[in-house]
Protein backbone atom coordinates (compact mmCIF):
# COMPACT_ATOMS: atom_id res chain seq x y z
CA UNK A 1 67.61 111.95 120.89
CA UNK A 2 67.67 109.31 118.13
CA UNK A 3 66.47 105.83 118.73
CA UNK A 4 69.45 103.62 117.69
CA UNK A 5 67.35 100.47 117.54
CA UNK A 6 65.03 102.04 114.91
CA UNK A 7 67.97 103.06 112.72
CA UNK A 8 69.47 99.51 113.06
CA UNK A 9 66.11 97.97 112.17
CA UNK A 10 65.60 100.20 109.11
CA UNK A 11 69.07 99.50 107.75
CA UNK A 12 68.76 95.78 108.50
CA UNK A 13 65.58 95.75 106.37
CA UNK A 14 67.25 97.58 103.48
CA UNK A 15 65.86 101.03 104.16
CA UNK A 16 67.67 104.35 103.86
CA UNK A 17 68.74 106.71 106.55
CA UNK A 18 68.63 110.52 106.69
CA UNK A 19 71.65 112.66 107.18
CA UNK A 20 70.35 113.73 110.58
CA UNK A 21 69.97 110.10 111.64
CA UNK A 22 73.45 109.20 110.59
CA UNK A 23 74.95 112.28 112.21
CA UNK A 24 73.10 111.54 115.38
CA UNK A 25 74.27 107.92 115.42
CA UNK A 26 77.90 108.93 114.92
CA UNK A 27 77.75 111.77 117.50
CA UNK A 28 76.04 109.53 120.04
CA UNK A 29 78.57 106.73 119.62
CA UNK A 30 81.55 109.15 119.76
CA UNK A 31 80.24 110.66 122.97
CA UNK A 32 79.70 107.28 124.54
CA UNK A 33 75.86 107.58 124.63
CA UNK A 34 75.36 104.66 122.22
CA UNK A 35 76.96 101.40 123.30
CA UNK A 36 79.26 99.14 121.27
CA UNK A 37 76.68 96.42 120.88
CA UNK A 38 74.21 98.71 119.05
CA UNK A 39 76.90 100.20 116.77
CA UNK A 40 78.10 96.62 116.06
CA UNK A 41 74.61 95.68 114.94
CA UNK A 42 74.44 98.76 112.75
CA UNK A 43 77.83 98.07 111.19
CA UNK A 44 76.79 94.50 110.34
CA UNK A 45 73.51 95.81 108.77
CA UNK A 46 75.56 98.19 106.68
CA UNK A 47 78.04 95.41 105.70
CA UNK A 48 75.13 93.42 104.31
CA UNK A 49 72.76 96.10 103.04
CA UNK A 50 75.25 98.83 102.12
CA UNK A 51 74.83 102.63 102.07
CA UNK A 52 73.88 104.59 99.02
CA UNK A 53 75.84 107.62 97.89
CA UNK A 54 73.85 110.15 99.96
CA UNK A 55 74.21 108.00 103.13
CA UNK A 56 77.92 107.46 102.49
CA UNK A 57 78.42 111.22 102.15
CA UNK A 58 76.45 111.81 105.31
CA UNK A 59 78.56 109.28 107.25
CA UNK A 60 81.78 110.77 105.85
CA UNK A 61 80.67 114.31 106.85
CA UNK A 62 79.56 113.13 110.37
CA UNK A 63 82.89 111.45 110.99
CA UNK A 64 84.85 114.35 109.51
CA UNK A 65 83.13 116.86 111.81
CA UNK A 66 83.43 114.68 114.94
CA UNK A 67 86.74 116.48 115.42
CA UNK A 68 88.73 119.34 114.23
CA UNK A 69 89.14 120.28 110.58
CA UNK A 70 92.38 122.11 109.75
CA UNK A 71 91.77 125.74 108.66
CA UNK A 72 95.14 126.78 107.24
CA UNK A 73 95.75 130.47 106.49
CA UNK A 74 95.21 131.60 102.90
CA UNK A 75 98.10 130.82 100.58
CA UNK A 76 99.38 127.97 98.45
CA UNK A 77 96.99 125.17 97.47
CA UNK A 78 96.64 122.29 99.98
CA UNK A 79 96.81 118.73 98.66
CA UNK A 80 97.60 115.19 99.80
CA UNK A 81 97.88 111.61 98.56
CA UNK A 82 96.29 108.55 100.01
CA UNK A 83 97.33 104.97 99.22
CA UNK A 84 95.18 102.04 100.16
CA UNK A 85 98.43 100.31 101.18
CA UNK A 86 100.67 97.60 100.03
CA UNK A 87 104.13 95.99 100.39
CA UNK A 88 107.05 98.30 99.95
CA UNK A 89 104.74 101.23 99.23
CA UNK A 90 106.94 104.14 100.31
CA UNK A 91 106.07 106.83 97.79
CA UNK A 92 104.73 109.22 100.43
CA UNK A 93 108.28 109.90 101.68
CA UNK A 94 109.19 111.24 98.27
CA UNK A 95 105.83 112.82 97.29
CA UNK A 96 105.50 115.16 100.33
CA UNK A 97 108.78 116.99 100.04
CA UNK A 98 108.69 116.98 96.23
CA UNK A 99 105.26 118.54 96.11
CA UNK A 100 106.28 121.11 98.62
CA UNK A 101 109.18 122.06 96.35
CA UNK A 102 106.51 122.85 93.78
CA UNK A 103 104.77 125.27 96.08
CA UNK A 104 101.99 122.94 97.35
CA UNK A 105 101.27 122.59 101.07
CA UNK A 106 101.11 118.90 102.03
CA UNK A 107 99.67 118.24 105.54
CA UNK A 108 100.13 114.48 105.41
CA UNK A 109 98.39 112.50 108.23
CA UNK A 110 99.34 108.91 107.88
CA UNK A 111 98.90 105.49 109.53
CA UNK A 112 100.75 102.51 110.86
CA UNK A 113 101.29 99.19 109.19
CA UNK A 114 99.35 96.07 110.13
CA UNK A 115 99.80 92.54 108.89
CA UNK A 116 101.65 92.27 105.56
CA UNK A 117 101.40 95.95 104.67
CA UNK A 118 103.77 98.68 105.85
CA UNK A 119 102.85 102.03 107.36
CA UNK A 120 104.32 105.50 106.64
CA UNK A 121 104.62 106.32 110.38
CA UNK A 122 106.66 103.30 111.08
CA UNK A 123 109.01 104.12 108.22
CA UNK A 124 109.41 107.74 109.50
CA UNK A 125 109.99 106.57 113.13
CA UNK A 126 112.96 104.43 111.96
CA UNK A 127 114.72 107.79 111.43
CA UNK A 128 116.53 108.52 114.81
CA UNK A 129 114.59 111.17 116.64
CA UNK A 130 111.82 111.63 114.08
CA UNK A 131 108.58 112.59 115.90
CA UNK A 132 105.32 111.68 114.28
CA UNK A 133 103.30 112.67 117.37
CA UNK A 134 103.06 116.46 117.17
CA UNK A 135 100.36 118.71 118.45
CA UNK A 136 98.32 120.33 115.74
CA UNK A 137 100.02 123.66 116.53
CA UNK A 138 103.50 122.07 115.99
CA UNK A 139 102.23 120.38 112.82
CA UNK A 140 100.90 123.61 111.43
CA UNK A 141 104.10 125.46 112.22
CA UNK A 142 106.29 122.85 110.33
CA UNK A 143 103.84 122.92 107.47
CA UNK A 144 103.85 126.67 107.13
CA UNK A 145 107.62 126.91 107.26
CA UNK A 146 108.51 124.00 104.97
CA UNK A 147 105.36 123.28 102.97
CA UNK A 148 105.07 119.68 104.18
CA UNK A 149 104.74 117.87 107.50
CA UNK A 150 103.98 114.18 108.24
CA UNK A 151 102.27 112.97 111.37
CA UNK A 152 99.84 110.34 112.73
CA UNK A 153 96.18 110.87 113.46
CA UNK A 154 95.78 113.02 116.52
CA UNK A 155 93.08 112.97 119.18
CA UNK A 156 91.51 115.96 117.52
CA UNK A 157 91.28 114.52 114.02
CA UNK A 158 88.17 112.39 113.19
CA UNK A 159 87.83 110.81 116.63
CA UNK A 160 84.63 108.94 115.39
CA UNK A 161 86.84 107.13 112.85
CA UNK A 162 89.22 105.77 115.51
CA UNK A 163 86.30 104.38 117.53
CA UNK A 164 84.40 103.01 114.53
CA UNK A 165 87.51 101.42 112.98
CA UNK A 166 88.36 99.60 116.22
CA UNK A 167 84.84 98.23 116.37
CA UNK A 168 84.90 97.24 112.69
CA UNK A 169 88.14 95.39 113.23
CA UNK A 170 86.56 93.10 115.88
CA UNK A 171 83.17 92.66 114.21
CA UNK A 172 84.41 91.49 110.70
CA UNK A 173 82.99 94.55 109.00
CA UNK A 174 86.22 96.14 107.68
CA UNK A 175 85.59 95.12 104.07
CA UNK A 176 82.51 97.33 103.56
CA UNK A 177 82.92 99.73 100.63
CA UNK A 178 80.98 102.65 102.15
CA UNK A 179 82.62 102.19 105.57
CA UNK A 180 86.10 102.12 103.94
CA UNK A 181 85.20 105.22 101.90
CA UNK A 182 84.01 107.16 104.92
CA UNK A 183 86.97 106.08 107.09
CA UNK A 184 89.60 107.17 104.54
CA UNK A 185 87.99 110.42 103.49
CA UNK A 186 86.96 111.60 107.02
CA UNK A 187 90.65 111.60 107.97
CA UNK A 188 92.00 113.04 104.68
CA UNK A 189 89.36 115.79 104.26
CA UNK A 190 90.10 116.86 107.91
CA UNK A 191 93.35 118.24 106.51
CA UNK A 192 91.47 121.09 104.84
CA UNK A 193 92.37 119.89 101.29
CA UNK A 194 91.83 121.58 97.99
CA UNK A 195 92.84 118.41 96.09
CA UNK A 196 93.30 114.72 96.92
CA UNK A 197 95.11 112.05 94.81
CA UNK A 198 94.17 108.49 95.42
CA UNK A 199 96.56 105.52 94.84
CA UNK A 200 94.33 102.52 94.94
CA UNK A 201 96.16 99.20 94.87
CA UNK A 202 95.05 95.90 93.44
CA UNK A 203 96.73 92.52 93.21
CA UNK A 204 98.12 89.93 95.65
CA UNK A 205 99.47 92.38 98.19
CA UNK A 206 96.62 94.88 98.10
CA UNK A 207 93.70 95.22 100.54
CA UNK A 208 91.40 95.04 97.57
CA UNK A 209 93.04 92.19 95.59
CA UNK A 210 90.55 92.08 92.68
CA UNK A 211 90.86 94.86 90.12
CA UNK A 212 87.06 95.38 89.90
CA UNK A 213 86.80 95.77 93.75
CA UNK A 214 89.66 98.26 93.81
CA UNK A 215 88.08 100.27 90.92
CA UNK A 216 84.75 100.26 92.74
CA UNK A 217 86.47 101.66 95.86
CA UNK A 218 88.22 104.31 93.82
CA UNK A 219 85.00 105.44 92.14
CA UNK A 220 83.25 105.58 95.61
CA UNK A 221 85.91 107.75 97.06
CA UNK A 222 86.18 109.98 94.03
CA UNK A 223 82.44 110.59 94.05
CA UNK A 224 82.22 111.52 97.72
CA UNK A 225 85.36 113.68 97.72
CA UNK A 226 83.97 115.73 94.81
CA UNK A 227 80.55 116.04 96.39
CA UNK A 228 82.35 117.52 99.40
CA UNK A 229 84.15 120.11 97.34
CA UNK A 230 87.59 118.53 96.93
CA UNK A 231 89.10 118.03 93.51
CA UNK A 232 90.16 114.33 93.28
CA UNK A 233 91.69 111.83 90.96
CA UNK A 234 92.60 108.10 91.36
CA UNK A 235 95.24 105.83 89.95
CA UNK A 236 94.82 102.11 90.02
CA UNK A 237 98.25 100.61 90.58
CA UNK A 238 99.59 97.07 90.61
CA UNK A 239 100.56 95.38 93.89
CA UNK A 240 101.23 91.83 92.63
CA UNK A 241 104.81 92.19 93.83
CA UNK A 242 106.52 94.60 96.22
CA UNK A 243 107.05 98.19 95.13
CA UNK A 244 110.79 98.88 94.78
CA UNK A 245 113.43 96.47 96.16
CA UNK A 246 113.17 97.05 99.93
CA UNK A 247 110.51 95.82 102.42
CA UNK A 248 111.07 97.06 105.97
CA UNK A 249 111.11 100.43 107.59
CA UNK A 250 114.72 101.82 107.69
CA UNK A 251 115.42 99.86 104.47
CA UNK A 252 112.60 101.68 102.70
CA UNK A 253 113.67 105.03 104.03
CA UNK A 254 117.21 104.43 102.63
CA UNK A 255 115.71 103.42 99.29
CA UNK A 256 113.74 106.74 99.08
CA UNK A 257 116.92 108.69 100.14
CA UNK A 258 118.89 107.01 97.35
CA UNK A 259 116.20 108.11 94.84
CA UNK A 260 116.14 111.67 96.21
CA UNK A 261 119.98 111.85 96.25
CA UNK A 262 120.07 110.86 92.60
CA UNK A 263 122.02 107.60 93.16
CA UNK A 264 122.31 104.96 90.53
CA UNK A 265 119.07 102.82 90.56
CA UNK A 266 118.12 99.33 89.75
CA UNK A 267 115.15 98.68 87.44
CA UNK A 268 112.79 98.15 90.38
CA UNK A 269 113.94 101.35 92.07
CA UNK A 270 113.54 103.26 88.77
CA UNK A 271 109.99 102.05 88.63
CA UNK A 272 109.40 103.28 92.18
CA UNK A 273 110.91 106.68 91.19
CA UNK A 274 108.66 106.93 88.13
CA UNK A 275 105.54 106.13 90.15
CA UNK A 276 106.42 108.63 92.85
CA UNK A 277 107.00 111.27 90.09
CA UNK A 278 103.71 110.44 88.40
CA UNK A 279 101.70 110.62 91.67
CA UNK A 280 103.37 113.91 92.69
CA UNK A 281 102.84 115.50 89.30
CA UNK A 282 99.18 114.55 89.18
CA UNK A 283 98.69 115.85 92.83
CA UNK A 284 100.41 119.19 91.92
CA UNK A 285 98.34 119.56 88.80
CA UNK A 286 95.08 118.81 90.73
CA UNK A 287 96.00 121.41 93.43
CA UNK A 288 96.79 124.08 90.90
CA UNK A 289 93.52 123.56 89.01
CA UNK A 290 91.38 123.19 92.19
CA UNK A 291 89.74 126.53 91.39
CA UNK A 292 88.41 125.19 88.14
CA UNK A 293 89.66 123.94 84.74
CA UNK A 294 91.01 120.57 83.66
CA UNK A 295 93.88 119.17 85.69
CA UNK A 296 95.21 117.67 82.41
CA UNK A 297 96.15 121.11 81.23
CA UNK A 298 98.58 121.48 84.13
CA UNK A 299 99.95 117.98 84.15
CA UNK A 300 102.93 118.23 81.72
CA UNK A 301 104.28 121.41 83.28
CA UNK A 302 103.91 119.76 86.75
CA UNK A 303 105.77 116.63 85.46
CA UNK A 304 108.69 118.69 84.14
CA UNK A 305 108.87 120.75 87.47
CA UNK A 306 108.84 117.60 89.60
CA UNK A 307 111.55 116.02 87.50
CA UNK A 308 113.65 119.12 87.75
CA UNK A 309 113.34 119.42 91.57
CA UNK A 310 114.09 115.73 92.07
CA UNK A 311 117.13 115.81 89.81
CA UNK A 312 118.45 118.96 91.49
CA UNK A 313 118.27 117.39 95.00
CA UNK A 314 115.64 119.82 96.22
CA UNK A 315 113.32 117.12 97.40
CA UNK A 316 116.19 115.58 99.49
CA UNK A 317 116.92 118.94 101.05
CA UNK A 318 113.25 119.53 101.91
CA UNK A 319 112.81 116.04 103.36
CA UNK A 320 115.91 116.52 105.58
CA UNK A 321 114.69 119.89 106.74
CA UNK A 322 111.26 118.49 107.56
CA UNK A 323 112.81 115.50 109.44
CA UNK A 324 114.98 117.81 111.54
CA UNK A 325 112.03 120.14 112.18
CA UNK A 326 110.21 117.10 113.55
CA UNK A 327 113.07 116.12 115.87
CA UNK A 328 115.38 113.97 113.81
CA UNK A 329 118.98 114.01 114.73
CA UNK A 330 120.90 116.59 112.66
CA UNK A 331 122.73 114.91 109.78
CA UNK A 332 121.17 111.51 110.47
CA UNK A 333 120.14 111.15 106.77
CA UNK A 334 123.58 111.90 105.36
CA UNK A 335 124.75 108.28 105.59
CA UNK A 336 122.94 104.92 105.59
CA UNK A 337 125.07 104.00 108.65
CA UNK A 338 123.10 106.50 110.69
CA UNK A 339 119.90 104.52 110.19
CA UNK A 340 119.12 101.34 112.10
CA UNK A 341 121.06 98.37 110.76
CA UNK A 342 120.27 94.70 111.31
CA UNK A 343 123.05 92.49 112.90
CA UNK A 344 122.36 89.56 110.56
CA UNK A 345 121.60 88.93 106.89
CA UNK A 346 120.83 85.76 104.98
CA UNK A 347 120.37 85.04 101.26
CA UNK A 348 117.44 83.03 99.88
CA UNK A 349 118.65 81.25 96.69
CA UNK A 350 116.60 80.01 93.83
CA UNK A 351 116.11 76.22 94.16
CA UNK A 352 116.26 75.76 90.36
CA UNK A 353 116.59 77.83 87.21
CA UNK A 354 113.52 79.45 85.60
CA UNK A 355 111.57 82.59 84.93
CA UNK A 356 110.05 84.29 87.97
CA UNK A 357 106.32 83.83 87.26
CA UNK A 358 105.26 85.05 90.71
CA UNK A 359 106.82 87.07 93.53
CA UNK A 360 103.76 87.32 95.69
CA UNK A 361 103.65 90.52 97.67
CA UNK A 362 101.46 89.26 100.45
CA UNK A 363 103.77 86.38 101.39
CA UNK A 364 106.92 88.53 101.11
CA UNK A 365 105.26 91.27 103.24
CA UNK A 366 104.30 88.66 105.84
CA UNK A 367 107.87 87.24 105.81
CA UNK A 368 109.23 90.77 106.50
CA UNK A 369 106.58 91.06 109.35
CA UNK A 370 107.81 87.79 110.88
CA UNK A 371 111.35 89.14 111.04
CA UNK A 372 110.03 92.14 113.02
CA UNK A 373 109.35 94.64 110.23
CA UNK A 374 105.60 94.65 110.89
CA UNK A 375 102.99 93.82 113.45
CA UNK A 376 100.10 91.37 113.77
CA UNK A 377 98.23 93.81 116.08
CA UNK A 378 98.81 97.49 116.69
CA UNK A 379 100.30 96.86 120.13
CA UNK A 380 103.19 94.82 118.71
CA UNK A 381 106.70 96.35 118.73
CA UNK A 382 108.52 97.10 115.42
CA UNK A 383 112.16 96.30 114.71
CA UNK A 384 113.03 99.30 112.45
CA UNK A 385 116.12 97.46 110.88
CA UNK A 386 114.32 94.22 110.00
CA UNK A 387 113.07 93.40 106.48
CA UNK A 388 114.20 92.05 103.14
CA UNK A 389 115.53 93.08 99.79
CA UNK A 390 113.79 91.66 96.68
CA UNK A 391 116.46 90.69 94.08
CA UNK A 392 114.38 88.65 91.57
CA UNK A 393 111.17 90.21 90.11
CA UNK A 394 108.41 89.15 87.84
CA UNK A 395 109.72 88.12 84.44
CA UNK A 396 113.43 87.81 85.48
CA UNK A 397 115.30 84.65 84.46
CA UNK A 398 117.26 83.19 87.39
CA UNK A 399 119.81 80.41 87.51
CA UNK A 400 119.75 77.76 90.22
CA UNK A 401 121.42 79.31 93.28
CA UNK A 402 120.86 82.89 92.22
CA UNK A 403 119.58 85.27 94.86
CA UNK A 404 115.81 85.72 95.18
CA UNK A 405 115.98 88.01 98.20
CA UNK A 406 118.10 88.83 101.17
CA UNK A 407 116.79 88.91 104.72
CA UNK A 408 117.94 91.50 107.37
CA UNK A 409 117.14 90.57 111.01
CA UNK A 410 118.02 90.75 114.62
CA UNK A 411 116.04 87.73 115.77
CA UNK A 412 117.62 84.51 114.29
CA UNK A 413 114.89 82.35 115.74
CA UNK A 414 112.43 83.87 113.32
CA UNK A 415 114.48 83.30 110.19
CA UNK A 416 113.35 79.78 109.27
CA UNK A 417 109.66 80.69 109.22
CA UNK A 418 110.37 83.84 107.20
CA UNK A 419 112.51 81.85 104.66
CA UNK A 420 109.81 79.22 104.20
CA UNK A 421 107.16 81.86 103.62
CA UNK A 422 109.29 83.86 101.16
CA UNK A 423 110.25 80.78 99.27
CA UNK A 424 106.49 80.04 98.84
CA UNK A 425 106.08 83.53 97.28
CA UNK A 426 108.30 82.69 94.34
CA UNK A 427 107.04 80.62 91.41
CA UNK A 428 109.64 79.62 88.76
CA UNK A 429 108.67 78.32 85.35
CA UNK A 430 109.78 77.70 81.81
CA UNK A 431 108.18 80.84 80.33
CA UNK A 432 107.90 84.46 81.50
CA UNK A 433 104.55 85.67 82.85
CA UNK A 434 102.42 88.20 81.00
CA UNK A 435 103.85 91.71 81.47
CA UNK A 436 101.95 93.85 83.98
CA UNK A 437 101.68 97.62 83.94
CA UNK A 438 102.32 99.41 87.22
CA UNK A 439 99.62 102.00 86.52
CA UNK A 440 96.62 100.25 85.14
CA UNK A 441 94.04 103.07 84.84
CA UNK A 442 93.60 106.74 85.78
CA UNK A 443 90.11 107.74 86.95
CA UNK A 444 88.70 111.28 87.10
CA UNK A 445 91.31 112.97 84.85
């Protein structure tokens, strides 16, 4: 039996912990043998003193093995993508079916949105009947039949992470690099992956707003994933403004369906399409090279294959089959009218002419949340139809009275607060801002 107070004291004083000590601490807390107040003290010690690479790997391994690790039957490579989250970040809905069309198995376990950021589960649940709460047996059956399945974290997957994250949330220790690394990887590696692609956001709407902080997180996750035998790569992508045009659950689903159907796209939607293609191609290349050899050698063929499947509508067909296999109403994706629609809409007009020098993602995401598209705390209800459409983007010239964004809502009493917040997101000036690249850097290729 470990002595929790000794482990707390040593980490408080800047010492290092053994793998056995960390494993014992995690196991004891998960089993209810170590109380919240002792784990809170340890988390705060980690927040200030940090964990080295060996300790972070030990924590990741302990959290990973606190529950079940998927053991899929031999067959196609297994891969997934993780995003650190942002506003309008909906690429998972395209990536999972598209990678499956390329012969990769994608067991995607996702999360819910909180605050200004959206969550993949909330988007999926805006599809009538779509079930994200499957048993692991149901999950594995859909995965084996279609090559992709998308669910939330189950009771069996990394239970230590659920307990630790809840405690981090109320002890102001969320922003610890090793704790973030262990939390993300313990859930993702529980999928039994051969390869993992990381989409690490930076900018106004990102969890890690500073580029250097996002890069440090990417390197931390890359290092631990590789040490644990999973081929990994990270892209650092810009989240200064929302991704795509739509912010809100059913709105974002429809935007992804338009891309997968091959509809005419705006510039913003084309950028979303290209990012989804790049992420999928890199994930496919990583998975195919997981047995050894450089992923770069497989990247161009993977890009061409992804583009071909997307253009042919194969990803759309696979997504619809997955949705129906997970309970969605048959044919519910064939028309936007079958998705939830808001009763009201309202335009936000530019107060004067000028170049859009800022379209701050955090404020726009929070405005959508106020309308009902997100939640302040996990117990809040979501309005799947609520959200906004961004119509003016960084670098655009707008005339006075031109549309900046359109709100979609069912609760008129929330509109004024959302409008004021969204208006504060836009900065208009006499010269365009410096151009920003959506993908800033690729690490690990």
